[in-house]
Amino acid sequence: MSALGPRQTEPDAWIRWIREAVALLLRRPAAVAGYLATVIGVYWVAHLTVWGPMRTLLMLVVATLALVLFIRLALAVDYNRPLHPGFVLPANLDAAVAVTLAAALFAAHGVVAPALFDPLHLSFNEAVEVLGLYEPRLETGAPAPDPLTYGLLGPLWVTGGLFGAALLGTGLGMLAFGQWFLLPMVVLHGAPPIHSAAVSARAYRSNPVAMTGLLGVFMAAVVVLVVSLGWAGPLLAPLLGAVLYTSYRDVFLGRDANHPVGLPIPTELELALEPEPADLDDAGVRGGTRFTPRWRTPLGVRLRGGSDRSGAGSGACRPPPTRHPARPDRCGAEPSPGNDSALR
């Protein structure tokens, strides 16, 4: 997967990004639901934190890590890979960048809280009290806990609503500071975070209309979150993660459509690191040692390359792993659909 640098896309590209993201998620609904349930459980534990500032920080950390997880999941689905934890869970660099981003958003939250979040918090408390969902006093006469510390208030799912708010806040923060492509660039390429931040900001100048379209999507998501009484909040995690992947893939990799469903497809990095037949003898041995290539892919795991070959002599041409249907193999023939040994 070789980065091409930011390119200019169509003004309505944001519609395609969302459509392709939803299509990826619908390919593996059971796996998406399983990972989402796990993320919700982790977020619920973070929501149980008593100290308010620490609870806010932990919720932002979980939100950013959830986006990283679903970026990796979208990549694995796009390349028809299995969605086991080795492919999907964040790697060390991914987690470090996610925590750093969450800390930066937490600092920004502290700056704007008196003017924005505190009035919203007060309005929420008054609304649930007027609706009869919350009593400010317990039966003993002691002050009741803050409404935001509850899991459920009647039909209102507070935990889900806060998770959705944390996801929207993370996405809006990245969008506002020009860092929408930071997470996918680090996750997919292991690029230096500082360089990724600079290149991400530069991509905005080439796609101002498309990025503004994403801002409108966030505004619509806020309405959906409120109307659903918080129940739609967790669904934003896989959607935003997949949109981060599809938008980055279009702007930086020049591919605007998902791969077709089928056999696993090697990434460009795997193809570049695949050994050439000329480098090996008839037994697949180099320098007296059997050659078993291993490499770190954008999926964050090491894959083992096979050495199966067609033909018995040194002149035989070994078909490569299953490729995109549009790509011929080294022999000029169409790729063999059954040869997926390098993905095992």
Protein backbone atom coordinates (compact mmCIF):
# COMPACT_ATOMS: atom_id res chain seq x y z
CA MET A 1 0.00 0.00 0.00
CA SER A 2 2.03 2.90 -1.25
CA ALA A 3 1.01 6.43 -0.40
CA LEU A 4 0.69 8.71 -3.41
CA GLY A 5 0.29 11.97 -1.55
CA PRO A 6 -2.88 14.06 -1.36
CA ARG A 7 -4.79 14.45 -4.61
CA GLN A 8 -7.81 16.50 -5.53
CA THR A 9 -11.10 14.64 -5.50
CA GLU A 10 -14.59 15.52 -6.70
CA PRO A 11 -16.60 18.00 -4.59
CA ASP A 12 -19.14 15.29 -3.77
CA ALA A 13 -16.48 12.69 -2.92
CA TRP A 14 -17.66 12.66 0.68
CA ILE A 15 -20.86 10.90 -0.44
CA ARG A 16 -18.79 8.13 -2.04
CA TRP A 17 -16.65 7.83 1.08
CA ILE A 18 -19.72 7.16 3.22
CA ARG A 19 -21.25 4.78 0.68
CA GLU A 20 -18.09 2.70 0.37
CA ALA A 21 -17.63 2.70 4.16
CA VAL A 22 -21.14 1.36 4.74
CA ALA A 23 -20.59 -1.29 2.05
CA LEU A 24 -17.43 -2.49 3.83
CA LEU A 25 -19.20 -2.74 7.19
CA LEU A 26 -22.12 -4.67 5.70
CA ARG A 27 -19.76 -7.33 4.33
CA ARG A 28 -18.95 -8.61 7.85
CA PRO A 29 -21.86 -7.51 10.08
CA ALA A 30 -21.32 -10.21 12.71
CA ALA A 31 -17.64 -9.35 13.18
CA VAL A 32 -18.41 -5.63 13.28
CA ALA A 33 -21.09 -6.22 15.92
CA GLY A 34 -18.72 -8.37 17.99
CA TYR A 35 -15.92 -5.81 18.03
CA LEU A 36 -18.42 -3.02 18.69
CA ALA A 37 -19.84 -4.90 21.68
CA THR A 38 -16.32 -5.24 23.07
CA VAL A 39 -15.66 -1.53 22.60
CA ILE A 40 -18.94 -0.66 24.32
CA GLY A 41 -17.93 -2.83 27.28
CA VAL A 42 -14.59 -1.03 27.59
CA TYR A 43 -16.32 2.32 27.33
CA TRP A 44 -18.83 1.32 30.02
CA VAL A 45 -15.92 0.55 32.38
CA ALA A 46 -14.41 3.98 31.62
CA HIS A 47 -17.80 5.58 32.29
CA LEU A 48 -17.78 4.10 35.81
CA THR A 49 -14.80 6.27 36.78
CA VAL A 50 -15.83 8.52 39.67
CA TRP A 51 -13.51 11.50 39.15
CA GLY A 52 -15.00 13.67 36.41
CA PRO A 53 -11.82 14.86 34.60
CA MET A 54 -10.37 11.35 34.53
CA ARG A 55 -13.68 10.00 33.23
CA THR A 56 -13.65 12.52 30.38
CA LEU A 57 -10.05 11.68 29.45
CA LEU A 58 -10.69 7.93 29.50
CA MET A 59 -13.80 8.32 27.34
CA LEU A 60 -11.79 10.25 24.75
CA VAL A 61 -9.03 7.62 24.84
CA VAL A 62 -11.54 4.82 24.26
CA ALA A 63 -13.16 6.81 21.43
CA THR A 64 -9.86 7.35 19.58
CA LEU A 65 -8.79 3.73 20.08
CA ALA A 66 -12.17 2.61 18.73
CA LEU A 67 -11.60 4.66 15.59
CA VAL A 68 -8.17 3.06 15.13
CA LEU A 69 -9.69 -0.40 15.56
CA PHE A 70 -12.35 0.18 12.93
CA ILE A 71 -9.84 1.74 10.50
CA ARG A 72 -7.90 -1.51 10.67
CA LEU A 73 -11.09 -3.54 10.41
CA ALA A 74 -12.14 -1.65 7.27
CA LEU A 75 -8.72 -2.30 5.73
CA ALA A 76 -8.93 -6.02 6.51
CA VAL A 77 -12.43 -6.25 5.01
CA ASP A 78 -11.36 -4.33 1.90
CA TYR A 79 -8.52 -6.81 1.27
CA ASN A 80 -10.70 -9.83 2.14
CA ARG A 81 -8.67 -10.74 5.21
CA PRO A 82 -9.88 -12.63 8.30
CA LEU A 83 -10.90 -10.32 11.14
CA HIS A 84 -9.10 -12.01 13.99
CA PRO A 85 -7.58 -9.77 16.69
CA GLY A 86 -4.08 -9.94 15.21
CA PHE A 87 -5.34 -8.01 12.19
CA VAL A 88 -7.72 -5.61 13.93
CA LEU A 89 -6.42 -4.62 17.37
CA PRO A 90 -4.30 -1.43 17.46
CA ALA A 91 -0.52 -1.80 17.38
CA ASN A 92 1.80 0.04 19.78
CA LEU A 93 2.34 3.10 17.56
CA ASP A 94 -1.38 3.30 16.79
CA ALA A 95 -2.26 3.23 20.47
CA ALA A 96 0.39 5.83 21.35
CA VAL A 97 -0.87 8.25 18.68
CA ALA A 98 -4.49 7.64 19.72
CA VAL A 99 -3.71 8.40 23.37
CA THR A 100 -1.76 11.53 22.38
CA LEU A 101 -4.65 12.72 20.23
CA ALA A 102 -7.08 12.05 23.08
CA ALA A 103 -4.89 14.07 25.45
CA ALA A 104 -4.82 16.99 22.99
CA LEU A 105 -8.61 16.86 22.66
CA PHE A 106 -8.91 16.72 26.46
CA ALA A 107 -6.82 19.88 26.71
CA ALA A 108 -9.04 21.57 24.10
CA HIS A 109 -12.09 20.40 26.06
CA GLY A 110 -10.75 22.16 29.15
CA VAL A 111 -10.37 25.39 27.19
CA VAL A 112 -13.83 25.48 25.60
CA ALA A 113 -15.77 23.76 28.43
CA PRO A 114 -16.78 26.98 30.27
CA ALA A 115 -18.22 28.51 27.09
CA LEU A 116 -19.70 25.42 25.41
CA PHE A 117 -19.83 22.18 27.38
CA ASP A 118 -20.84 23.55 30.78
CA PRO A 119 -23.97 25.26 29.39
CA LEU A 120 -24.87 22.08 27.49
CA HIS A 121 -24.39 20.05 30.66
CA LEU A 122 -26.65 22.39 32.62
CA SER A 123 -29.30 22.30 29.89
CA PHE A 124 -29.23 18.49 29.86
CA ASN A 125 -29.70 18.35 33.63
CA GLU A 126 -32.68 20.69 33.46
CA ALA A 127 -34.22 18.78 30.55
CA VAL A 128 -34.13 15.34 32.23
CA GLU A 129 -35.49 16.88 35.43
CA VAL A 130 -38.41 18.56 33.62
CA LEU A 131 -39.18 15.29 31.79
CA GLY A 132 -39.34 13.45 35.10
CA LEU A 133 -36.38 11.22 34.32
CA TYR A 134 -34.19 12.54 37.11
CA GLU A 135 -34.64 13.75 40.66
CA PRO A 136 -31.97 16.07 42.04
CA ARG A 137 -32.52 14.70 45.56
CA LEU A 138 -32.46 11.14 46.83
CA GLU A 139 -35.16 9.81 49.17
CA THR A 140 -32.79 10.50 52.07
CA GLY A 141 -32.60 14.15 51.06
CA ALA A 142 -28.97 13.91 49.94
CA PRO A 143 -28.01 15.32 46.53
CA ALA A 144 -28.37 12.77 43.75
CA PRO A 145 -25.40 11.87 41.53
CA ASP A 146 -24.97 13.85 38.34
CA PRO A 147 -27.30 12.58 35.57
CA LEU A 148 -24.31 11.95 33.29
CA THR A 149 -23.02 9.28 35.69
CA TYR A 150 -26.10 7.10 35.17
CA GLY A 151 -26.25 4.31 32.63
CA LEU A 152 -29.97 4.63 31.90
CA LEU A 153 -32.48 7.37 32.65
CA GLY A 154 -35.80 5.93 31.54
CA PRO A 155 -35.58 5.45 27.75
CA LEU A 156 -32.42 7.56 27.61
CA TRP A 157 -29.17 5.58 27.25
CA VAL A 158 -26.72 7.96 28.86
CA THR A 159 -23.65 5.77 28.33
CA GLY A 160 -24.39 5.33 24.62
CA GLY A 161 -25.09 9.04 24.20
CA LEU A 162 -21.81 9.98 25.88
CA PHE A 163 -19.93 7.49 23.73
CA GLY A 164 -21.48 9.00 20.61
CA ALA A 165 -20.66 12.50 21.87
CA ALA A 166 -17.04 11.48 22.49
CA LEU A 167 -16.80 10.01 18.97
CA LEU A 168 -18.33 13.11 17.41
CA GLY A 169 -16.06 15.35 19.47
CA THR A 170 -13.01 13.36 18.38
CA GLY A 171 -14.02 13.49 14.71
CA LEU A 172 -14.90 17.17 14.81
CA GLY A 173 -11.65 17.94 16.60
CA MET A 174 -9.61 16.17 13.93
CA LEU A 175 -11.64 17.84 11.20
CA ALA A 176 -11.34 21.32 12.73
CA PHE A 177 -7.57 21.12 13.26
CA GLY A 178 -6.82 19.62 9.84
CA GLN A 179 -5.95 16.19 11.22
CA TRP A 180 -8.69 14.08 9.63
CA PHE A 181 -6.11 11.88 7.84
CA LEU A 182 -3.66 11.62 10.75
CA LEU A 183 -4.95 8.36 12.23
CA PRO A 184 -5.28 6.37 8.98
CA MET A 185 -1.86 7.55 7.77
CA VAL A 186 -0.18 6.35 10.95
CA VAL A 187 -2.26 3.16 11.17
CA LEU A 188 -1.86 2.09 7.54
CA HIS A 189 1.74 3.13 6.95
CA GLY A 190 3.40 3.58 10.33
CA ALA A 191 4.33 7.09 9.19
CA PRO A 192 5.96 9.51 11.67
CA PRO A 193 3.12 11.33 13.47
CA ILE A 194 4.58 14.82 12.98
CA HIS A 195 5.02 14.27 9.24
CA SER A 196 1.54 12.75 9.06
CA ALA A 197 0.04 15.80 10.76
CA ALA A 198 1.69 18.16 8.25
CA VAL A 199 0.61 16.14 5.22
CA SER A 200 -2.92 15.74 6.58
CA ALA A 201 -3.30 19.50 6.88
CA ARG A 202 -2.00 19.96 3.33
CA ALA A 203 -4.71 17.64 1.96
CA TYR A 204 -7.39 20.13 3.03
CA ARG A 205 -6.24 22.73 0.52
CA SER A 206 -6.89 20.30 -2.33
CA ASN A 207 -10.30 19.16 -1.12
CA PRO A 208 -12.08 22.04 0.65
CA VAL A 209 -15.59 21.16 -0.60
CA ALA A 210 -15.34 17.47 0.23
CA MET A 211 -14.08 18.21 3.75
CA THR A 212 -16.88 20.73 4.26
CA GLY A 213 -19.33 18.02 3.22
CA LEU A 214 -18.03 15.87 6.06
CA LEU A 215 -18.75 18.74 8.45
CA GLY A 216 -22.40 18.63 7.35
CA VAL A 217 -22.46 14.89 8.03
CA PHE A 218 -21.30 15.54 11.59
CA MET A 219 -24.11 18.04 12.10
CA ALA A 220 -26.62 15.45 10.91
CA ALA A 221 -25.06 12.86 13.23
CA VAL A 222 -25.64 15.17 16.21
CA VAL A 223 -29.35 15.30 15.35
CA VAL A 224 -29.52 11.50 15.00
CA LEU A 225 -27.78 11.09 18.36
CA VAL A 226 -30.31 13.33 20.10
CA VAL A 227 -33.39 11.88 18.38
CA SER A 228 -32.30 8.30 19.13
CA LEU A 229 -31.91 9.17 22.84
CA GLY A 230 -28.31 7.99 22.75
CA TRP A 231 -28.97 4.53 21.33
CA ALA A 232 -27.37 5.35 17.98
CA GLY A 233 -24.20 6.68 19.60
CA PRO A 234 -22.06 3.50 19.54
CA LEU A 235 -22.89 2.92 15.86
CA LEU A 236 -20.83 5.99 15.04
CA ALA A 237 -17.61 4.14 15.95
CA PRO A 238 -17.55 1.67 13.03
CA LEU A 239 -19.02 4.24 10.64
CA LEU A 240 -16.47 6.95 11.42
CA GLY A 241 -13.59 4.47 11.41
CA ALA A 242 -14.60 3.12 8.00
CA VAL A 243 -15.10 6.64 6.58
CA LEU A 244 -11.64 7.60 7.81
CA TYR A 245 -10.28 4.64 5.86
CA THR A 246 -12.22 5.20 2.63
CA SER A 247 -11.52 8.94 2.56
CA TYR A 248 -7.80 8.42 3.14
CA ARG A 249 -7.70 5.66 0.51
CA ASP A 250 -9.28 7.99 -2.06
CA VAL A 251 -7.25 11.14 -1.31
CA PHE A 252 -3.84 9.55 -0.67
CA LEU A 253 -3.90 6.19 -2.44
CA GLY A 254 -5.93 7.12 -5.51
CA ARG A 255 -8.48 4.30 -5.15
CA ASP A 256 -12.10 5.33 -4.72
CA ALA A 257 -13.81 1.90 -4.80
CA ASN A 258 -13.64 -1.17 -2.58
CA HIS A 259 -11.98 -4.35 -3.76
CA PRO A 260 -14.49 -6.99 -4.91
CA VAL A 261 -15.45 -9.74 -2.50
CA GLY A 262 -13.39 -12.88 -3.04
CA LEU A 263 -10.02 -14.35 -2.19
CA PRO A 264 -7.56 -12.40 -0.04
CA ILE A 265 -5.80 -9.66 -2.00
CA PRO A 266 -2.16 -8.78 -1.19
CA THR A 267 -1.39 -5.18 -0.46
CA GLU A 268 1.13 -3.24 -2.53
CA LEU A 269 3.67 -3.58 0.29
CA GLU A 270 3.34 -7.35 0.29
CA LEU A 271 3.74 -7.47 -3.48
CA ALA A 272 6.83 -5.25 -3.30
CA LEU A 273 8.45 -7.51 -0.69
CA GLU A 274 7.53 -10.77 -2.38
CA PRO A 275 10.69 -12.71 -3.40
CA GLU A 276 11.42 -13.02 -7.10
CA PRO A 277 11.79 -16.57 -8.51
CA ALA A 278 15.32 -15.74 -9.71
CA ASP A 279 16.43 -15.20 -6.13
CA LEU A 280 15.71 -18.82 -5.17
CA ASP A 281 16.96 -22.15 -6.44
CA ASP A 282 14.74 -25.05 -7.47
CA ALA A 283 14.14 -26.08 -3.84
CA GLY A 284 13.27 -22.58 -2.69
CA VAL A 285 16.58 -22.31 -0.84
CA ARG A 286 18.88 -19.30 -0.67
CA GLY A 287 22.41 -19.79 0.66
CA GLY A 288 21.61 -23.23 2.07
CA THR A 289 18.70 -21.92 4.19
CA ARG A 290 15.06 -22.26 3.24
CA PHE A 291 13.71 -18.80 2.49
CA THR A 292 10.54 -17.98 4.43
CA PRO A 293 9.85 -14.27 3.96
CA ARG A 294 8.13 -12.36 6.74
CA TRP A 295 7.14 -8.76 6.69
CA ARG A 296 5.07 -6.27 8.58
CA THR A 297 2.01 -5.28 6.60
CA PRO A 298 -0.27 -2.27 7.00
CA LEU A 299 -2.54 -4.66 8.92
CA GLY A 300 0.00 -4.64 11.74
CA VAL A 301 0.84 -8.36 11.62
CA ARG A 302 3.52 -10.49 10.03
CA LEU A 303 2.44 -12.74 7.21
CA ARG A 304 4.35 -15.84 6.16
CA GLY A 305 5.05 -16.12 2.45
CA GLY A 306 4.83 -19.54 0.84
CA SER A 307 7.31 -20.92 -1.64
CA ASP A 308 5.04 -23.15 -3.73
CA ARG A 309 5.86 -23.00 -7.43
CA SER A 310 4.42 -24.38 -10.62
CA GLY A 311 6.76 -26.54 -12.66
CA ALA A 312 9.78 -28.59 -11.65
CA GLY A 313 12.69 -26.86 -13.32
CA SER A 314 14.42 -23.56 -12.77
CA GLY A 315 12.73 -22.14 -15.85
CA ALA A 316 9.25 -22.64 -14.46
CA CYS A 317 7.29 -19.51 -13.76
CA ARG A 318 5.77 -19.28 -10.29
CA PRO A 319 2.39 -17.50 -10.20
CA PRO A 320 2.22 -14.75 -7.61
CA PRO A 321 -0.40 -14.64 -4.84
CA THR A 322 -3.94 -13.80 -5.83
CA ARG A 323 -3.98 -10.25 -7.12
CA HIS A 324 -6.52 -7.75 -8.14
CA PRO A 325 -8.23 -9.13 -11.28
CA ALA A 326 -6.92 -6.19 -13.32
CA ARG A 327 -3.28 -7.08 -12.66
CA PRO A 328 -1.50 -9.75 -14.77
CA ASP A 329 1.09 -11.96 -13.14
CA ARG A 330 4.80 -11.97 -13.96
CA CYS A 331 4.34 -14.44 -16.81
CA GLY A 332 1.85 -12.19 -18.58
CA ALA A 333 -1.02 -14.60 -17.93
CA GLU A 334 -4.07 -14.02 -15.84
CA PRO A 335 -3.55 -14.72 -12.13
CA SER A 336 -4.43 -18.15 -10.81
CA PRO A 337 -7.47 -17.80 -8.55
CA GLY A 338 -6.47 -20.76 -6.40
CA ASN A 339 -2.95 -19.67 -5.49
CA ASP A 340 -3.24 -17.88 -2.17
CA SER A 341 -0.34 -19.57 -0.41
CA ALA A 342 1.39 -16.31 0.49
CA LEU A 343 -1.58 -15.35 2.62
CA ARG A 344 -1.51 -18.49 4.74
